[in-house]
């Protein structure tokens, strides 16, 4: 027990000594020059604070009940949203795998062997028994912070996937609403085209009646017939476009192509008369794509520490403790205890430039993520 206690104390001391050491740069949010107001906004407009449209929920912006139902269905069934959700599950699992590398791995085993050897010319037959129960521990010390940096990168990737899902949801809501309003616009055009056709058909009948009475010429009849033909041609084209728009909406909803239920007419849709823009810096902090880009930057920054840790030696500890006896009844009694403890240190001496190239690669990935983050913030 004294040796076991000393072993546990040594492991605890090693954990304390290695807790604060981590190579690689710590993340610091990069500064981006964002204007205080939009181009074309007067100081008087900026001085009047107004609630931005970004503060409102989508169900507050779109008042059509049928459109709200379509958006709800899309959020539940759309394949892009479901794929984004599974990517979050993958990132969560990857974070758990990476974080487990910081901890020692402990395994237990039991073995029982009964062997009988036959009689030989010089030895009589004999039997041997070997019974063993042990617990093994293996631990690569995270002295240089390789696994902590990897965990930081995995956590950043998890945040990136979560924000990516939010970005997919935002685009989906926008696409469903846009497609629905385009569908309602096509419905209105079809309604107008049918009324136009009916009006021109009435005009054609009147022109034919006048021609039969000699009050007008056949030229007017032919012109009226041409107007009827032109109006009739637009209806099949609009019906085809309406069907295509319904198929597109069905795809966004995660359904097979089919009809789409309508709600409020386009001319009766409630709308926001004015869209207060808000401050650019405030809006940027809420954009999912910018949050995703920053999370990817955090992950890329942490990967530099993972790559740099390969320059330093790897320190590993192993320990085994248990019991071994030839008789199962005396396995846990008498002088049957066994234990072993060891450590190893491996320092890379020559890798053909692999480590240096790995560091350069992670630094380039960070620079790419940084430019992406700054570029997204510039495009608002």
Protein backbone atom coordinates (compact mmCIF):
# COMPACT_ATOMS: atom_id res chain seq x y z
CA UNK A 1 0.00 0.00 0.00
CA UNK A 2 2.90 2.35 0.75
CA UNK A 3 4.32 1.89 -2.72
CA UNK A 4 0.89 2.32 -4.30
CA UNK A 5 0.34 5.51 -2.31
CA UNK A 6 3.72 6.82 -3.42
CA UNK A 7 2.85 5.99 -7.02
CA UNK A 8 -0.45 7.88 -6.83
CA UNK A 9 1.25 10.85 -5.19
CA UNK A 10 3.87 10.90 -7.94
CA UNK A 11 1.20 10.84 -10.64
CA UNK A 12 -0.72 13.65 -8.93
CA UNK A 13 2.43 15.74 -8.64
CA UNK A 14 3.21 15.16 -12.31
CA UNK A 15 -0.31 16.29 -13.28
CA UNK A 16 0.11 19.49 -11.29
CA UNK A 17 3.49 20.21 -12.86
CA UNK A 18 2.20 19.70 -16.40
CA UNK A 19 -1.08 21.60 -16.01
CA UNK A 20 0.18 25.05 -16.94
CA UNK A 21 2.66 24.38 -19.75
CA UNK A 22 1.41 24.64 -23.33
CA UNK A 23 3.41 25.65 -26.39
CA UNK A 24 1.92 27.63 -29.24
CA UNK A 25 0.19 31.02 -29.36
CA UNK A 26 -2.78 31.82 -27.17
CA UNK A 27 -5.81 33.05 -29.06
CA UNK A 28 -6.52 36.76 -29.18
CA UNK A 29 -9.42 38.12 -31.18
CA UNK A 30 -8.00 40.06 -34.16
CA UNK A 31 -8.98 43.68 -34.54
CA UNK A 32 -11.08 44.59 -37.58
CA UNK A 33 -11.83 48.18 -38.57
CA UNK A 34 -15.63 48.33 -38.74
CA UNK A 35 -17.33 51.68 -39.52
CA UNK A 36 -19.67 53.14 -36.95
CA UNK A 37 -22.45 53.70 -39.49
CA UNK A 38 -23.44 52.53 -42.93
CA UNK A 39 -22.36 54.39 -46.02
CA UNK A 40 -25.02 56.91 -46.95
CA UNK A 41 -26.36 57.18 -43.41
CA UNK A 42 -26.47 60.74 -42.10
CA UNK A 43 -25.28 61.56 -38.58
CA UNK A 44 -28.85 62.56 -37.75
CA UNK A 45 -30.11 59.10 -38.68
CA UNK A 46 -27.35 57.44 -36.70
CA UNK A 47 -28.14 59.62 -33.68
CA UNK A 48 -31.70 58.23 -33.58
CA UNK A 49 -31.44 54.71 -32.18
CA UNK A 50 -33.93 52.25 -33.60
CA UNK A 51 -34.48 48.59 -33.06
CA UNK A 52 -32.74 46.68 -35.82
CA UNK A 53 -34.61 44.14 -37.90
CA UNK A 54 -31.98 41.65 -36.76
CA UNK A 55 -33.47 41.84 -33.26
CA UNK A 56 -36.80 40.46 -34.45
CA UNK A 57 -37.68 36.78 -34.70
CA UNK A 58 -38.58 35.39 -38.10
CA UNK A 59 -42.12 34.59 -36.94
CA UNK A 60 -42.49 38.26 -36.01
CA UNK A 61 -41.34 39.41 -39.45
CA UNK A 62 -43.45 36.94 -41.48
CA UNK A 63 -47.06 37.24 -40.38
CA UNK A 64 -48.54 34.79 -42.91
CA UNK A 65 -49.67 31.77 -40.86
CA UNK A 66 -49.21 29.38 -43.76
CA UNK A 67 -45.68 30.66 -44.35
CA UNK A 68 -44.91 30.15 -40.66
CA UNK A 69 -46.15 26.57 -40.93
CA UNK A 70 -43.95 25.97 -43.98
CA UNK A 71 -40.89 27.33 -42.18
CA UNK A 72 -41.59 25.15 -39.14
CA UNK A 73 -41.84 22.11 -41.40
CA UNK A 74 -38.61 23.01 -43.18
CA UNK A 75 -36.72 23.42 -39.90
CA UNK A 76 -37.80 19.92 -38.87
CA UNK A 77 -37.44 18.06 -42.18
CA UNK A 78 -34.90 19.91 -44.33
CA UNK A 79 -31.94 17.66 -45.08
CA UNK A 80 -29.33 20.42 -44.88
CA UNK A 81 -30.43 21.26 -41.33
CA UNK A 82 -30.43 17.60 -40.34
CA UNK A 83 -26.98 17.11 -41.87
CA UNK A 84 -25.71 20.14 -39.94
CA UNK A 85 -27.14 18.64 -36.73
CA UNK A 86 -25.32 15.34 -37.32
CA UNK A 87 -22.10 17.28 -37.87
CA UNK A 88 -22.54 18.76 -34.41
CA UNK A 89 -22.86 15.25 -32.99
CA UNK A 90 -19.69 14.27 -34.82
CA UNK A 91 -17.83 17.31 -33.46
CA UNK A 92 -19.04 16.55 -29.92
CA UNK A 93 -17.80 12.98 -30.20
CA UNK A 94 -14.48 14.14 -31.63
CA UNK A 95 -14.08 16.56 -28.73
CA UNK A 96 -14.63 13.69 -26.29
CA UNK A 97 -12.06 11.54 -28.10
CA UNK A 98 -9.47 14.31 -28.14
CA UNK A 99 -10.06 15.30 -24.54
CA UNK A 100 -9.61 11.67 -23.44
CA UNK A 101 -5.99 11.78 -24.69
CA UNK A 102 -5.12 14.03 -21.74
CA UNK A 103 -6.02 11.29 -19.26
CA UNK A 104 -4.28 8.01 -18.51
CA UNK A 105 -5.74 4.83 -19.90
CA UNK A 106 -6.44 2.13 -17.32
CA UNK A 107 -7.21 -1.49 -18.16
CA UNK A 108 -7.82 -4.58 -16.08
CA UNK A 109 -7.16 -8.17 -17.01
CA UNK A 110 -7.40 -11.68 -15.67
CA UNK A 111 -5.63 -14.80 -16.85
CA UNK A 112 -5.81 -18.44 -15.84
CA UNK A 113 -3.69 -21.14 -17.48
CA UNK A 114 -3.72 -24.85 -16.58
CA UNK A 115 -1.14 -26.91 -18.47
CA UNK A 116 -0.21 -30.62 -18.27
CA UNK A 117 2.99 -31.97 -19.79
CA UNK A 118 3.22 -35.70 -20.70
CA UNK A 119 5.79 -38.12 -19.40
CA UNK A 120 9.14 -37.99 -21.14
CA UNK A 121 12.22 -40.17 -21.00
CA UNK A 122 13.79 -38.07 -18.28
CA UNK A 123 10.82 -36.35 -16.57
CA UNK A 124 7.54 -37.63 -15.17
CA UNK A 125 4.26 -35.95 -16.18
CA UNK A 126 3.52 -32.73 -14.41
CA UNK A 127 0.93 -29.94 -14.34
CA UNK A 128 1.41 -26.20 -14.01
CA UNK A 129 -1.11 -23.57 -13.00
CA UNK A 130 -0.77 -19.81 -13.46
CA UNK A 131 -3.45 -17.37 -12.31
CA UNK A 132 -3.07 -13.63 -12.56
CA UNK A 133 -5.21 -10.53 -12.00
CA UNK A 134 -3.74 -7.12 -12.75
CA UNK A 135 -4.53 -3.49 -13.48
CA UNK A 136 -2.39 -1.60 -16.01
CA UNK A 137 -1.98 2.13 -16.51
CA UNK A 138 -0.45 3.93 -19.50
CA UNK A 139 -0.16 7.70 -19.71
CA UNK A 140 1.61 10.03 -22.09
CA UNK A 141 2.21 13.21 -20.14
CA UNK A 142 0.87 16.33 -21.76
CA UNK A 143 3.91 18.28 -20.61
CA UNK A 144 4.00 20.55 -23.66
CA UNK A 145 0.25 20.98 -24.00
CA UNK A 146 -0.17 18.98 -27.21
CA UNK A 147 -3.40 17.35 -26.11
CA UNK A 148 -4.72 20.49 -24.43
CA UNK A 149 -4.17 22.44 -27.64
CA UNK A 150 -5.84 19.63 -29.59
CA UNK A 151 -8.79 19.80 -27.20
CA UNK A 152 -8.95 23.55 -27.70
CA UNK A 153 -8.99 23.01 -31.46
CA UNK A 154 -11.70 20.36 -31.18
CA UNK A 155 -13.78 22.70 -29.03
CA UNK A 156 -13.38 25.43 -31.64
CA UNK A 157 -14.48 23.03 -34.37
CA UNK A 158 -17.53 22.13 -32.29
CA UNK A 159 -18.47 25.80 -31.95
CA UNK A 160 -17.91 26.25 -35.68
CA UNK A 161 -20.31 23.41 -36.51
CA UNK A 162 -22.92 24.82 -34.14
CA UNK A 163 -22.69 28.25 -35.77
CA UNK A 164 -22.70 26.61 -39.19
CA UNK A 165 -26.02 25.02 -38.28
CA UNK A 166 -27.36 28.43 -37.29
CA UNK A 167 -26.20 29.80 -40.63
CA UNK A 168 -27.98 26.96 -42.45
CA UNK A 169 -31.16 27.70 -40.49
CA UNK A 170 -30.96 31.42 -41.33
CA UNK A 171 -30.48 30.69 -45.03
CA UNK A 172 -33.28 28.12 -44.96
CA UNK A 173 -35.76 30.55 -43.42
CA UNK A 174 -34.77 33.16 -45.99
CA UNK A 175 -35.02 30.69 -48.90
CA UNK A 176 -38.43 29.37 -47.83
CA UNK A 177 -39.82 32.89 -47.38
CA UNK A 178 -38.38 34.07 -50.70
CA UNK A 179 -39.68 31.03 -52.57
CA UNK A 180 -43.11 31.40 -50.96
CA UNK A 181 -43.43 35.06 -51.93
CA UNK A 182 -42.26 34.27 -55.45
CA UNK A 183 -44.94 31.57 -55.59
CA UNK A 184 -47.58 34.03 -54.44
CA UNK A 185 -46.33 36.53 -57.03
CA UNK A 186 -46.75 33.89 -59.75
CA UNK A 187 -50.24 33.15 -58.43
CA UNK A 188 -51.09 36.83 -58.76
CA UNK A 189 -49.69 36.94 -62.28
CA UNK A 190 -51.76 33.87 -63.20
CA UNK A 191 -54.86 35.46 -61.74
CA UNK A 192 -54.25 38.65 -63.71
CA UNK A 193 -53.54 36.66 -66.90
CA UNK A 194 -56.81 34.74 -66.55
CA UNK A 195 -58.75 37.97 -66.02
CA UNK A 196 -56.99 39.47 -69.04
CA UNK A 197 -57.88 36.44 -71.15
CA UNK A 198 -61.52 36.62 -70.08
CA UNK A 199 -61.63 40.35 -70.88
CA UNK A 200 -60.10 39.85 -74.32
CA UNK A 201 -62.46 36.96 -75.05
CA UNK A 202 -65.39 39.26 -74.25
CA UNK A 203 -63.85 41.90 -76.51
CA UNK A 204 -63.49 39.33 -79.29
CA UNK A 205 -67.14 38.33 -79.04
CA UNK A 206 -68.20 41.98 -79.16
CA UNK A 207 -65.96 42.62 -82.18
CA UNK A 208 -67.40 39.59 -83.98
CA UNK A 209 -70.94 40.82 -83.29
CA UNK A 210 -70.06 44.25 -84.68
CA UNK A 211 -68.44 42.66 -87.74
CA UNK A 212 -71.50 40.55 -88.38
CA UNK A 213 -73.60 43.72 -88.28
CA UNK A 214 -71.25 45.52 -90.65
CA UNK A 215 -70.14 48.03 -88.00
CA UNK A 216 -66.48 46.99 -88.21
CA UNK A 217 -64.10 45.11 -90.46
CA UNK A 218 -62.65 41.64 -90.28
CA UNK A 219 -59.25 43.22 -89.59
CA UNK A 220 -60.49 44.25 -86.16
CA UNK A 221 -61.70 40.68 -85.61
CA UNK A 222 -58.30 39.27 -86.51
CA UNK A 223 -56.58 41.72 -84.16
CA UNK A 224 -58.93 40.75 -81.34
CA UNK A 225 -58.23 37.07 -82.03
CA UNK A 226 -54.47 37.79 -81.86
CA UNK A 227 -54.89 39.48 -78.48
CA UNK A 228 -56.82 36.47 -77.19
CA UNK A 229 -54.13 34.09 -78.46
CA UNK A 230 -51.36 36.14 -76.82
CA UNK A 231 -53.17 36.23 -73.49
CA UNK A 232 -53.87 32.49 -73.63
CA UNK A 233 -50.19 31.68 -74.27
CA UNK A 234 -49.04 33.20 -70.97
CA UNK A 235 -51.27 30.96 -68.83
CA UNK A 236 -49.56 27.57 -69.53
CA UNK A 237 -46.14 29.16 -69.01
CA UNK A 238 -47.20 30.61 -65.65
CA UNK A 239 -48.74 27.28 -64.61
CA UNK A 240 -45.45 25.55 -65.46
CA UNK A 241 -43.44 28.09 -63.45
CA UNK A 242 -45.83 27.72 -60.51
CA UNK A 243 -45.38 23.96 -60.56
CA UNK A 244 -41.58 24.37 -60.64
CA UNK A 245 -41.74 26.79 -57.71
CA UNK A 246 -43.88 24.35 -55.74
CA UNK A 247 -41.36 21.59 -56.45
CA UNK A 248 -38.55 23.83 -55.22
CA UNK A 249 -40.44 24.63 -52.04
CA UNK A 250 -41.19 20.95 -51.50
CA UNK A 251 -37.45 20.22 -51.74
CA UNK A 252 -36.73 22.88 -49.11
CA UNK A 253 -39.36 21.26 -46.89
CA UNK A 254 -37.74 17.84 -47.29
CA UNK A 255 -40.80 16.46 -49.10
CA UNK A 256 -41.39 14.92 -52.50
CA UNK A 257 -42.52 17.36 -55.21
CA UNK A 258 -46.15 18.29 -54.65
CA UNK A 259 -48.62 21.14 -54.22
CA UNK A 260 -48.01 23.85 -51.63
CA UNK A 261 -50.78 25.27 -49.47
CA UNK A 262 -51.33 29.02 -49.81
CA UNK A 263 -52.06 31.60 -47.18
CA UNK A 264 -52.54 35.34 -47.42
CA UNK A 265 -52.64 36.91 -50.86
CA UNK A 266 -49.53 38.77 -51.94
CA UNK A 267 -51.31 42.12 -52.04
CA UNK A 268 -52.59 41.58 -48.50
CA UNK A 269 -49.29 40.52 -46.93
CA UNK A 270 -48.29 42.59 -43.87
CA UNK A 271 -44.84 44.03 -44.28
CA UNK A 272 -42.35 46.11 -42.37
CA UNK A 273 -42.57 49.62 -43.87
CA UNK A 274 -39.11 50.59 -42.65
CA UNK A 275 -36.11 48.40 -41.94
CA UNK A 276 -33.87 50.08 -39.36
CA UNK A 277 -30.35 48.81 -40.07
CA UNK A 278 -28.80 49.11 -36.61
CA UNK A 279 -25.08 49.53 -36.08
CA UNK A 280 -22.73 47.50 -38.31
CA UNK A 281 -20.60 46.29 -35.39
CA UNK A 282 -23.66 45.06 -33.49
CA UNK A 283 -25.04 43.23 -36.50
CA UNK A 284 -21.71 41.55 -37.21
CA UNK A 285 -21.60 40.07 -33.72
CA UNK A 286 -24.89 38.27 -34.42
CA UNK A 287 -24.07 36.85 -37.85
CA UNK A 288 -23.63 33.05 -37.64
CA UNK A 289 -21.12 32.93 -40.51
CA UNK A 290 -18.82 35.38 -38.70
CA UNK A 291 -19.14 33.45 -35.45
CA UNK A 292 -18.34 30.28 -37.38
CA UNK A 293 -15.29 31.93 -39.00
CA UNK A 294 -13.98 33.03 -35.60
CA UNK A 295 -14.45 29.54 -34.13
CA UNK A 296 -12.49 28.11 -37.06
CA UNK A 297 -9.79 30.70 -36.40
CA UNK A 298 -9.61 29.58 -32.75
CA UNK A 299 -9.23 25.96 -33.86
CA UNK A 300 -6.54 26.82 -36.42
CA UNK A 301 -4.64 28.85 -33.83
CA UNK A 302 -4.66 25.92 -31.39
CA UNK A 303 -3.41 23.52 -34.05
CA UNK A 304 -0.16 25.50 -34.19
CA UNK A 305 0.53 24.46 -30.59
CA UNK A 306 -0.18 20.82 -31.49
CA UNK A 307 2.33 21.00 -34.34
CA UNK A 308 5.01 22.76 -32.27
CA UNK A 309 4.73 20.21 -29.47
CA UNK A 310 6.24 17.64 -31.85
CA UNK A 311 9.60 19.40 -31.45
CA UNK A 312 9.78 18.34 -27.79
CA UNK A 313 10.26 14.91 -26.20
CA UNK A 314 7.33 12.64 -25.50
CA UNK A 315 7.20 11.47 -21.88
CA UNK A 316 5.21 8.33 -21.07
CA UNK A 317 4.51 6.50 -17.83
CA UNK A 318 3.42 2.89 -17.41
CA UNK A 319 2.39 1.02 -14.27
CA UNK A 320 1.02 -2.42 -13.49
CA UNK A 321 -0.24 -3.87 -10.22
CA UNK A 322 -2.01 -7.10 -9.33
CA UNK A 323 -1.71 -10.65 -8.03
CA UNK A 324 -0.22 -13.84 -9.41
CA UNK A 325 -0.33 -17.34 -7.97
CA UNK A 326 -0.21 -20.94 -9.07
CA UNK A 327 -3.24 -21.72 -6.91
CA UNK A 328 -6.51 -19.91 -7.40
CA UNK A 329 -7.35 -20.18 -3.70
CA UNK A 330 -4.22 -18.31 -2.68
CA UNK A 331 -4.36 -15.68 -5.42
CA UNK A 332 -5.19 -12.82 -3.08
CA UNK A 333 -3.28 -14.09 -0.05
CA UNK A 334 0.37 -14.53 0.80
CA UNK A 335 3.24 -13.18 -1.31
CA UNK A 336 1.20 -13.10 -4.52
CA UNK A 337 1.31 -9.35 -5.19
CA UNK A 338 3.11 -7.95 -8.23
CA UNK A 339 3.75 -4.43 -9.47
CA UNK A 340 5.86 -2.59 -11.98
CA UNK A 341 6.40 1.08 -12.79
CA UNK A 342 8.35 2.63 -15.61
CA UNK A 343 8.75 5.70 -17.75
CA UNK A 344 10.11 6.54 -21.19
CA UNK A 345 11.27 9.67 -23.00
CA UNK A 346 11.47 9.93 -26.78
CA UNK A 347 13.09 12.97 -28.40
CA UNK A 348 12.82 13.34 -32.19
CA UNK A 349 16.25 13.94 -33.71
CA UNK A 350 15.65 13.84 -37.46
CA UNK A 351 12.36 13.79 -39.34
CA UNK A 352 13.32 15.15 -42.74
CA UNK A 353 11.62 18.48 -42.11
CA UNK A 354 8.26 16.89 -41.32
CA UNK A 355 7.78 18.76 -38.04
CA UNK A 356 8.86 22.10 -39.47
CA UNK A 357 6.56 21.66 -42.45
CA UNK A 358 3.73 20.70 -40.10
CA UNK A 359 4.18 23.94 -38.16
CA UNK A 360 4.25 25.98 -41.39
CA UNK A 361 1.13 24.20 -42.57
CA UNK A 362 -0.82 25.03 -39.39
CA UNK A 363 0.40 28.64 -39.52
CA UNK A 364 -0.82 28.93 -43.10
CA UNK A 365 -4.18 27.43 -42.10
CA UNK A 366 -4.45 30.02 -39.34
CA UNK A 367 -3.65 32.81 -41.80
CA UNK A 368 -6.37 31.52 -44.12
CA UNK A 369 -8.87 31.42 -41.25
CA UNK A 370 -7.84 34.93 -40.21
CA UNK A 371 -8.35 36.33 -43.71
CA UNK A 372 -11.71 34.56 -43.93
CA UNK A 373 -12.78 36.07 -40.61
CA UNK A 374 -11.72 39.58 -41.60
CA UNK A 375 -13.19 39.23 -45.07
CA UNK A 376 -16.57 38.17 -43.70
CA UNK A 377 -16.57 41.14 -41.36
CA UNK A 378 -15.87 43.49 -44.26
CA UNK A 379 -18.81 42.19 -46.30
CA UNK A 380 -21.87 43.45 -44.48
